[in-house]
Structure formats: structure tokens, C-alpha cells
Amino acid sequence: MSVFIYTTADGCAIRLKLRRTARKNIIVRTASRDLLDINVPPFVSMKSLYQWLSAHEPSIKKLWQQAVQISTALPAYIWFRGQTYSYTLVAVLTRVQWHAQQGFLLPLAAAQLPHEALSAWLKQYAQIELLSRLQYWAQIMQLQPAAIALSQARTFWGVCRRRTGIRLNWRLIGAPAFVVDYVCIHELCHLRHANHGKAFWAMVAEYTADTVNARLWLKQHGTELFALDKVS
């Protein structure tokens, strides 16, 4: 891989990292705030590549400007299922993609801004994974809340009310499984014990030995799960 600079007709200097692993088409995406990644088939000469860049100059320049602006606003990393992942802004995508090795691929071509598309994607996963975990523990503990749902709360991870049920903060999709389980168990125990007395904590301990570690994890990393909320 090598880095070269392409200068547009109006004098904008764009840094590109050249790779030659593409099979048919030339693909351009952001590599970092000040670098675009361009993947070119081996048979394309540098002369042909510069001609391609000249022909696609408006879209290349737009990608460069958007990447610089948006990369500044987005957090340095994204929490998902207890792990942190990097992200790449991709001009040709229309929806968010996640890969265990690559991290998140965020669309620049969609109607939503990248951080809005990512929040929506995470909420969809939270709807499936968090609520299914809550249902699992409800069956294990033989406690059935009136209803279950996600919340947008900024001050609590879960809430339990006898009449309205249990709501879990959707941002818990960023936490490890043992943390999610602890919050589920914690809220379900409130169906039996309204306060945080000895009987309550004794019941929590019946179902999880990870209370201390889960609370410590939330204390250390909880604010990081709200990182996307800070993007304007």
C-alpha cells in the first residue's frame, strides 16, 4: 500500500491510500480523518486511475469534505456487546454494516447522518437482544412483568413498575452479556421487592454472582455508552 496526493482542479489536496485488491471496480472510502482509501484492480494503471479520479472529482471531493467534518464529530470508537469497534465512512453504502474484524461501516449516501443511522441500527439490535434476554430471565425467575420495552433514559439503566412493567435502556446493547443479565435480574427482583433492602440483594445474588463486576463495569464505562448522544 502507498499514499499519494490527488489535487483537484480548484486546488484541494486529497490524500489517498492505494490498495490493489479490488477485482473489477474502483472503490473509495474513508480510512481516517485526513485519508481516503482507494482500492483499485491490479490491471488499472496510474494514468487510468488519475483519469478516473478526474472524471469522478465532484463525488471524491464531497466524500473528502464529509469525512473530515463527520469524523471530527463522531466518537473515537463504538461500544457493541461489550467490545469497542472502530468505524469507516463509506460513500457507496445505504445502510449500516457491522463486521467483527472491520468494525462498523457507516453510510454517507443515506438520508440520515452517519451517527443517526448508527443509533437507529443499535436500537434495532437492542429491541431484539435486550428484550429477549429480559424474557429469558423472566421465565427462569418465574416473574412476569406487566410489559417490557426499551427506554431512552439518560439517568437509569432499567426501571420496574408493577403496573407498567420493565423498561431497559437501549444503550445497554453496548455492554457485555453479564452486565445486561445483571440489569435484567435487578429489575425483575423489584417485582418482589420495591426497595434495595437486604431481601432484595439476597434475591439478586440467587441468580447472579456478577453483581459487583457488573456495577463496576457500568461505573467505569457507562458514560461511554452515551457517546452518540453527544454528537450534534
C-alpha atoms as a PDB file:
ATOM      1  CA  MET A   1       0.000   0.000   0.000  1.00  0.00           C
ATOM      2  CA  SER A   2       1.166   3.520  -0.762  1.00  0.00           C
ATOM      3  CA  VAL A   3      -0.154   7.007  -0.109  1.00  0.00           C
ATOM      4  CA  PHE A   4      -0.382   9.626  -2.837  1.00  0.00           C
ATOM      5  CA  ILE A   5      -1.964  13.046  -3.201  1.00  0.00           C
ATOM      6  CA  TYR A   6      -4.546  13.931  -5.803  1.00  0.00           C
ATOM      7  CA  THR A   7      -5.078  17.657  -6.382  1.00  0.00           C
ATOM      8  CA  THR A   8      -8.468  18.747  -7.679  1.00  0.00           C
ATOM      9  CA  ALA A   9      -8.972  21.424 -10.315  1.00  0.00           C
ATOM     10  CA  ASP A  10      -9.676  24.011  -7.613  1.00  0.00           C
ATOM     11  CA  GLY A  11      -6.542  23.139  -5.637  1.00  0.00           C
ATOM     12  CA  CYS A  12      -7.922  20.791  -2.954  1.00  0.00           C
ATOM     13  CA  ALA A  13      -5.220  18.280  -1.966  1.00  0.00           C
ATOM     14  CA  ILE A  14      -6.706  14.866  -1.175  1.00  0.00           C
ATOM     15  CA  ARG A  15      -4.575  12.137   0.392  1.00  0.00           C
ATOM     16  CA  LEU A  16      -5.362   8.626  -0.804  1.00  0.00           C
ATOM     17  CA  LYS A  17      -4.083   5.273   0.389  1.00  0.00           C
ATOM     18  CA  LEU A  18      -3.772   3.000  -2.626  1.00  0.00           C
ATOM     19  CA  ARG A  19      -4.601  -0.697  -2.446  1.00  0.00           C
ATOM     20  CA  ARG A  20      -4.791  -3.133  -5.359  1.00  0.00           C
ATOM     21  CA  THR A  21      -7.060  -5.913  -4.161  1.00  0.00           C
ATOM     22  CA  ALA A  22     -10.291  -4.914  -5.922  1.00  0.00           C
ATOM     23  CA  ARG A  23     -11.486  -7.327  -8.605  1.00  0.00           C
ATOM     24  CA  LYS A  24     -13.491  -5.173 -11.015  1.00  0.00           C
ATOM     25  CA  ASN A  25     -14.476  -1.752  -9.713  1.00  0.00           C
ATOM     26  CA  ILE A  26     -12.591   1.113  -8.100  1.00  0.00           C
ATOM     27  CA  ILE A  27     -13.835   1.611  -4.535  1.00  0.00           C
ATOM     28  CA  VAL A  28     -13.251   4.750  -2.440  1.00  0.00           C
ATOM     29  CA  ARG A  29     -13.967   5.060   1.282  1.00  0.00           C
ATOM     30  CA  THR A  30     -12.595   6.957   4.262  1.00  0.00           C
ATOM     31  CA  ALA A  31      -9.577   5.499   6.051  1.00  0.00           C
ATOM     32  CA  SER A  32      -9.224   8.239   8.663  1.00  0.00           C
ATOM     33  CA  ARG A  33      -9.958  11.919   9.085  1.00  0.00           C
ATOM     34  CA  ASP A  34      -7.232  13.010   6.659  1.00  0.00           C
ATOM     35  CA  LEU A  35      -7.008   9.972   4.408  1.00  0.00           C
ATOM     36  CA  LEU A  36      -9.210   8.248   1.840  1.00  0.00           C
ATOM     37  CA  ASP A  37      -8.799   4.576   0.978  1.00  0.00           C
ATOM     38  CA  ILE A  38      -8.912   3.742  -2.734  1.00  0.00           C
ATOM     39  CA  ASN A  39      -8.987   0.107  -3.785  1.00  0.00           C
ATOM     40  CA  VAL A  40      -8.057  -0.431  -7.435  1.00  0.00           C
ATOM     41  CA  PRO A  41      -7.919  -3.590  -9.581  1.00  0.00           C
ATOM     42  CA  PRO A  42      -4.316  -4.618 -10.405  1.00  0.00           C
ATOM     43  CA  PHE A  43      -4.833  -4.073 -14.143  1.00  0.00           C
ATOM     44  CA  VAL A  44      -5.657  -0.340 -13.775  1.00  0.00           C
ATOM     45  CA  SER A  45      -2.609   1.850 -14.478  1.00  0.00           C
ATOM     46  CA  MET A  46      -1.828   5.009 -12.536  1.00  0.00           C
ATOM     47  CA  LYS A  47      -2.599   7.048 -15.645  1.00  0.00           C
ATOM     48  CA  SER A  48      -6.030   5.439 -15.890  1.00  0.00           C
ATOM     49  CA  LEU A  49      -6.528   5.935 -12.154  1.00  0.00           C
ATOM     50  CA  TYR A  50      -5.860   9.679 -12.408  1.00  0.00           C
ATOM     51  CA  GLN A  51      -8.278   9.866 -15.331  1.00  0.00           C
ATOM     52  CA  TRP A  52     -10.892   8.088 -13.199  1.00  0.00           C
ATOM     53  CA  LEU A  53     -10.310  10.488 -10.309  1.00  0.00           C
ATOM     54  CA  SER A  54     -10.662  13.463 -12.639  1.00  0.00           C
ATOM     55  CA  ALA A  55     -13.927  12.104 -14.034  1.00  0.00           C
ATOM     56  CA  HIS A  56     -15.303  11.486 -10.511  1.00  0.00           C
ATOM     57  CA  GLU A  57     -13.788  14.568  -8.907  1.00  0.00           C
ATOM     58  CA  PRO A  58     -17.032  16.089  -7.529  1.00  0.00           C
ATOM     59  CA  SER A  59     -18.013  12.919  -5.645  1.00  0.00           C
ATOM     60  CA  ILE A  60     -14.441  12.302  -4.423  1.00  0.00           C
ATOM     61  CA  LYS A  61     -14.192  15.856  -3.116  1.00  0.00           C
ATOM     62  CA  LYS A  62     -17.606  15.597  -1.439  1.00  0.00           C
ATOM     63  CA  LEU A  63     -16.569  12.365   0.278  1.00  0.00           C
ATOM     64  CA  TRP A  64     -13.355  14.024   1.471  1.00  0.00           C
ATOM     65  CA  GLN A  65     -15.171  17.058   2.894  1.00  0.00           C
ATOM     66  CA  GLN A  66     -17.887  14.989   4.552  1.00  0.00           C
ATOM     67  CA  ALA A  67     -15.361  12.619   6.056  1.00  0.00           C
ATOM     68  CA  VAL A  68     -13.332  15.433   7.568  1.00  0.00           C
ATOM     69  CA  GLN A  69     -16.433  17.063   9.061  1.00  0.00           C
ATOM     70  CA  ILE A  70     -18.168  13.926  10.342  1.00  0.00           C
ATOM     71  CA  SER A  71     -15.061  12.183  11.656  1.00  0.00           C
ATOM     72  CA  THR A  72     -14.489  15.150  13.926  1.00  0.00           C
ATOM     73  CA  ALA A  73     -17.972  14.778  15.444  1.00  0.00           C
ATOM     74  CA  LEU A  74     -18.199  11.006  15.865  1.00  0.00           C
ATOM     75  CA  PRO A  75     -16.737   9.344  18.970  1.00  0.00           C
ATOM     76  CA  ALA A  76     -13.378   7.616  18.647  1.00  0.00           C
ATOM     77  CA  TYR A  77     -14.977   4.172  18.999  1.00  0.00           C
ATOM     78  CA  ILE A  78     -18.351   2.470  19.394  1.00  0.00           C
ATOM     79  CA  TRP A  79     -19.341   0.020  22.163  1.00  0.00           C
ATOM     80  CA  PHE A  80     -21.263  -3.043  20.963  1.00  0.00           C
ATOM     81  CA  ARG A  81     -21.861  -6.219  23.000  1.00  0.00           C
ATOM     82  CA  GLY A  82     -19.087  -5.355  25.427  1.00  0.00           C
ATOM     83  CA  GLN A  83     -16.420  -4.627  22.822  1.00  0.00           C
ATOM     84  CA  THR A  84     -15.193  -1.412  21.249  1.00  0.00           C
ATOM     85  CA  TYR A  85     -15.146  -1.102  17.464  1.00  0.00           C
ATOM     86  CA  SER A  86     -13.797   1.436  15.035  1.00  0.00           C
ATOM     87  CA  TYR A  87     -15.863   2.742  12.132  1.00  0.00           C
ATOM     88  CA  THR A  88     -15.361   3.613   8.483  1.00  0.00           C
ATOM     89  CA  LEU A  89     -17.425   6.076   6.463  1.00  0.00           C
ATOM     90  CA  VAL A  90     -18.330   4.608   3.072  1.00  0.00           C
ATOM     91  CA  ALA A  91     -19.803   6.639   0.219  1.00  0.00           C
ATOM     92  CA  VAL A  92     -21.493   3.742  -1.598  1.00  0.00           C
ATOM     93  CA  LEU A  93     -23.360   2.255   1.379  1.00  0.00           C
ATOM     94  CA  THR A  94     -27.017   2.941   2.114  1.00  0.00           C
ATOM     95  CA  ARG A  95     -27.213   1.133   5.467  1.00  0.00           C
ATOM     96  CA  VAL A  96     -25.017   0.369   8.463  1.00  0.00           C
ATOM     97  CA  GLN A  97     -22.956  -2.800   8.395  1.00  0.00           C
ATOM     98  CA  TRP A  98     -21.032  -4.456  11.220  1.00  0.00           C
ATOM     99  CA  HIS A  99     -18.193  -6.949  10.968  1.00  0.00           C
ATOM    100  CA  ALA A 100     -16.328  -8.470  13.886  1.00  0.00           C
ATOM    101  CA  GLN A 101     -12.980  -7.694  12.252  1.00  0.00           C
ATOM    102  CA  GLN A 102     -13.709  -4.478  10.320  1.00  0.00           C
ATOM    103  CA  GLY A 103     -15.986  -2.868  12.862  1.00  0.00           C
ATOM    104  CA  PHE A 104     -18.782  -0.574  11.661  1.00  0.00           C
ATOM    105  CA  LEU A 105     -19.208   0.628   8.093  1.00  0.00           C
ATOM    106  CA  LEU A 106     -21.322   3.789   8.121  1.00  0.00           C
ATOM    107  CA  PRO A 107     -23.152   5.135   5.056  1.00  0.00           C
ATOM    108  CA  LEU A 108     -22.567   8.610   3.692  1.00  0.00           C
ATOM    109  CA  ALA A 109     -25.137   8.174   0.931  1.00  0.00           C
ATOM    110  CA  ALA A 110     -28.144   7.584   3.199  1.00  0.00           C
ATOM    111  CA  ALA A 111     -30.726  10.216   4.112  1.00  0.00           C
ATOM    112  CA  GLN A 112     -29.661  10.057   7.766  1.00  0.00           C
ATOM    113  CA  LEU A 113     -26.374  11.353   9.070  1.00  0.00           C
ATOM    114  CA  PRO A 114     -23.955   8.516   9.937  1.00  0.00           C
ATOM    115  CA  HIS A 115     -24.389   8.840  13.711  1.00  0.00           C
ATOM    116  CA  GLU A 116     -28.174   8.863  13.333  1.00  0.00           C
ATOM    117  CA  ALA A 117     -28.075   5.747  11.141  1.00  0.00           C
ATOM    118  CA  LEU A 118     -25.799   4.035  13.672  1.00  0.00           C
ATOM    119  CA  SER A 119     -28.079   4.907  16.607  1.00  0.00           C
ATOM    120  CA  ALA A 120     -31.082   3.530  14.719  1.00  0.00           C
ATOM    121  CA  TRP A 121     -29.155   0.334  13.906  1.00  0.00           C
ATOM    122  CA  LEU A 122     -28.109  -0.165  17.535  1.00  0.00           C
ATOM    123  CA  LYS A 123     -31.666   0.415  18.746  1.00  0.00           C
ATOM    124  CA  GLN A 124     -32.956  -2.284  16.388  1.00  0.00           C
ATOM    125  CA  TYR A 125     -30.436  -4.748  17.788  1.00  0.00           C
ATOM    126  CA  ALA A 126     -31.319  -3.678  21.326  1.00  0.00           C
ATOM    127  CA  GLN A 127     -35.015  -4.294  20.657  1.00  0.00           C
ATOM    128  CA  ILE A 128     -34.259  -7.897  19.747  1.00  0.00           C
ATOM    129  CA  GLU A 129     -31.372  -8.836  22.027  1.00  0.00           C
ATOM    130  CA  LEU A 130     -32.084  -6.935  25.246  1.00  0.00           C
ATOM    131  CA  LEU A 131     -35.770  -7.749  25.399  1.00  0.00           C
ATOM    132  CA  SER A 132     -35.220 -11.413  24.558  1.00  0.00           C
ATOM    133  CA  ARG A 133     -32.717 -11.590  27.415  1.00  0.00           C
ATOM    134  CA  LEU A 134     -35.237  -9.982  29.762  1.00  0.00           C
ATOM    135  CA  GLN A 135     -37.857 -12.526  28.686  1.00  0.00           C
ATOM    136  CA  TYR A 136     -35.368 -15.337  29.291  1.00  0.00           C
ATOM    137  CA  TRP A 137     -34.721 -14.252  32.872  1.00  0.00           C
ATOM    138  CA  ALA A 138     -38.425 -13.655  33.493  1.00  0.00           C
ATOM    139  CA  GLN A 139     -39.053 -17.305  32.643  1.00  0.00           C
ATOM    140  CA  ILE A 140     -36.131 -18.538  34.754  1.00  0.00           C
ATOM    141  CA  MET A 141     -37.246 -16.484  37.750  1.00  0.00           C
ATOM    142  CA  GLN A 142     -40.948 -17.134  37.118  1.00  0.00           C
ATOM    143  CA  LEU A 143     -41.712 -13.450  37.336  1.00  0.00           C
ATOM    144  CA  GLN A 144     -43.779 -11.844  34.616  1.00  0.00           C
ATOM    145  CA  PRO A 145     -43.729  -8.031  34.290  1.00  0.00           C
ATOM    146  CA  ALA A 146     -46.832  -6.274  33.016  1.00  0.00           C
ATOM    147  CA  ALA A 147     -44.920  -5.263  29.879  1.00  0.00           C
ATOM    148  CA  ILE A 148     -41.358  -4.968  28.601  1.00  0.00           C
ATOM    149  CA  ALA A 149     -39.886  -2.204  26.474  1.00  0.00           C
ATOM    150  CA  LEU A 150     -36.790  -0.111  25.830  1.00  0.00           C
ATOM    151  CA  SER A 151     -36.228   3.375  27.164  1.00  0.00           C
ATOM    152  CA  GLN A 152     -34.345   6.477  26.045  1.00  0.00           C
ATOM    153  CA  ALA A 153     -33.455   7.366  29.628  1.00  0.00           C
ATOM    154  CA  ARG A 154     -30.269   9.236  30.466  1.00  0.00           C
ATOM    155  CA  THR A 155     -30.297   8.596  34.217  1.00  0.00           C
ATOM    156  CA  PHE A 156     -31.029   4.887  34.723  1.00  0.00           C
ATOM    157  CA  TRP A 157     -30.269   1.518  33.099  1.00  0.00           C
ATOM    158  CA  GLY A 158     -33.583  -0.061  33.924  1.00  0.00           C
ATOM    159  CA  VAL A 159     -36.834   0.722  35.658  1.00  0.00           C
ATOM    160  CA  CYS A 160     -39.524  -1.568  37.079  1.00  0.00           C
ATOM    161  CA  ARG A 161     -43.074  -0.604  37.936  1.00  0.00           C
ATOM    162  CA  ARG A 162     -45.727  -3.144  38.839  1.00  0.00           C
ATOM    163  CA  ARG A 163     -48.417  -1.537  36.705  1.00  0.00           C
ATOM    164  CA  THR A 164     -46.388  -0.559  33.618  1.00  0.00           C
ATOM    165  CA  GLY A 165     -43.671  -3.209  33.597  1.00  0.00           C
ATOM    166  CA  ILE A 166     -39.921  -3.086  32.963  1.00  0.00           C
ATOM    167  CA  ARG A 167     -38.013  -0.855  30.595  1.00  0.00           C
ATOM    168  CA  LEU A 168     -34.338  -1.284  29.750  1.00  0.00           C
ATOM    169  CA  ASN A 169     -32.067   1.462  28.463  1.00  0.00           C
ATOM    170  CA  TRP A 170     -31.360   0.687  24.795  1.00  0.00           C
ATOM    171  CA  ARG A 171     -27.723   1.755  25.221  1.00  0.00           C
ATOM    172  CA  LEU A 172     -27.102  -1.459  27.176  1.00  0.00           C
ATOM    173  CA  ILE A 173     -26.590  -3.076  23.758  1.00  0.00           C
ATOM    174  CA  GLY A 174     -23.056  -1.775  24.134  1.00  0.00           C
ATOM    175  CA  ALA A 175     -22.468  -3.624  27.418  1.00  0.00           C
ATOM    176  CA  PRO A 176     -21.186  -7.191  27.951  1.00  0.00           C
ATOM    177  CA  ALA A 177     -23.704 -10.004  28.380  1.00  0.00           C
ATOM    178  CA  PHE A 178     -23.064 -10.358  32.123  1.00  0.00           C
ATOM    179  CA  VAL A 179     -23.928  -6.672  32.612  1.00  0.00           C
ATOM    180  CA  VAL A 180     -27.156  -6.993  30.612  1.00  0.00           C
ATOM    181  CA  ASP A 181     -28.090 -10.076  32.634  1.00  0.00           C
ATOM    182  CA  TYR A 182     -27.437  -8.263  35.899  1.00  0.00           C
ATOM    183  CA  VAL A 183     -29.693  -5.329  34.922  1.00  0.00           C
ATOM    184  CA  CYS A 184     -32.454  -7.735  33.836  1.00  0.00           C
ATOM    185  CA  ILE A 185     -32.235  -9.681  37.105  1.00  0.00           C
ATOM    186  CA  HIS A 186     -32.062  -6.474  39.139  1.00  0.00           C
ATOM    187  CA  GLU A 187     -35.266  -5.099  37.629  1.00  0.00           C
ATOM    188  CA  LEU A 188     -37.133  -8.406  37.846  1.00  0.00           C
ATOM    189  CA  CYS A 189     -36.285  -8.651  41.547  1.00  0.00           C
ATOM    190  CA  HIS A 190     -38.087  -5.349  42.018  1.00  0.00           C
ATOM    191  CA  LEU A 191     -41.328  -7.149  41.195  1.00  0.00           C
ATOM    192  CA  ARG A 192     -40.930  -8.822  44.591  1.00  0.00           C
ATOM    193  CA  HIS A 193     -39.039  -6.115  46.475  1.00  0.00           C
ATOM    194  CA  ALA A 194     -39.735  -2.449  45.777  1.00  0.00           C
ATOM    195  CA  ASN A 195     -36.654  -1.189  47.646  1.00  0.00           C
ATOM    196  CA  HIS A 196     -32.956  -2.093  47.777  1.00  0.00           C
ATOM    197  CA  GLY A 197     -33.073  -3.806  51.153  1.00  0.00           C
ATOM    198  CA  LYS A 198     -31.319  -6.984  52.270  1.00  0.00           C
ATOM    199  CA  ALA A 199     -34.054  -9.221  50.906  1.00  0.00           C
ATOM    200  CA  PHE A 200     -33.737  -7.588  47.501  1.00  0.00           C
ATOM    201  CA  TRP A 201     -29.960  -8.061  47.265  1.00  0.00           C
ATOM    202  CA  ALA A 202     -30.258 -11.615  48.563  1.00  0.00           C
ATOM    203  CA  MET A 203     -32.642 -12.396  45.722  1.00  0.00           C
ATOM    204  CA  VAL A 204     -30.323 -10.792  43.149  1.00  0.00           C
ATOM    205  CA  ALA A 205     -27.476 -12.949  44.495  1.00  0.00           C
ATOM    206  CA  GLU A 206     -29.569 -16.094  43.943  1.00  0.00           C
ATOM    207  CA  TYR A 207     -29.440 -15.544  40.190  1.00  0.00           C
ATOM    208  CA  THR A 208     -26.091 -13.863  39.546  1.00  0.00           C
ATOM    209  CA  ALA A 209     -22.639 -13.805  41.094  1.00  0.00           C
ATOM    210  CA  ASP A 210     -21.617 -10.920  38.835  1.00  0.00           C
ATOM    211  CA  THR A 211     -23.317  -8.078  40.699  1.00  0.00           C
ATOM    212  CA  VAL A 212     -20.093  -6.429  41.841  1.00  0.00           C
ATOM    213  CA  ASN A 213     -18.357  -6.766  38.466  1.00  0.00           C
ATOM    214  CA  ALA A 214     -21.428  -5.596  36.564  1.00  0.00           C
ATOM    215  CA  ARG A 215     -21.853  -2.496  38.707  1.00  0.00           C
ATOM    216  CA  LEU A 216     -18.127  -1.795  38.417  1.00  0.00           C
ATOM    217  CA  TRP A 217     -18.263  -2.099  34.621  1.00  0.00           C
ATOM    218  CA  LEU A 218     -21.159   0.352  34.428  1.00  0.00           C
ATOM    219  CA  LYS A 219     -19.324   2.745  36.725  1.00  0.00           C
ATOM    220  CA  GLN A 220     -16.188   2.610  34.574  1.00  0.00           C
ATOM    221  CA  HIS A 221     -17.740   2.545  31.091  1.00  0.00           C
ATOM    222  CA  GLY A 222     -21.378   3.570  31.467  1.00  0.00           C
ATOM    223  CA  THR A 223     -20.882   7.149  30.271  1.00  0.00           C
ATOM    224  CA  GLU A 224     -19.157   5.852  27.127  1.00  0.00           C
ATOM    225  CA  LEU A 225     -22.384   4.116  26.077  1.00  0.00           C
ATOM    226  CA  PHE A 226     -23.907   7.600  25.691  1.00  0.00           C
ATOM    227  CA  ALA A 227     -21.189   8.783  23.270  1.00  0.00           C
ATOM    228  CA  LEU A 228     -23.534   9.026  20.268  1.00  0.00           C
ATOM    229  CA  ASP A 229     -25.885  11.290  22.238  1.00  0.00           C
ATOM    230  CA  LYS A 230     -23.149  13.915  22.319  1.00  0.00           C
ATOM    231  CA  VAL A 231     -22.907  14.123  18.527  1.00  0.00           C
ATOM    232  CA  SER A 232     -24.861  17.095  17.237  1.00  0.00           C
END
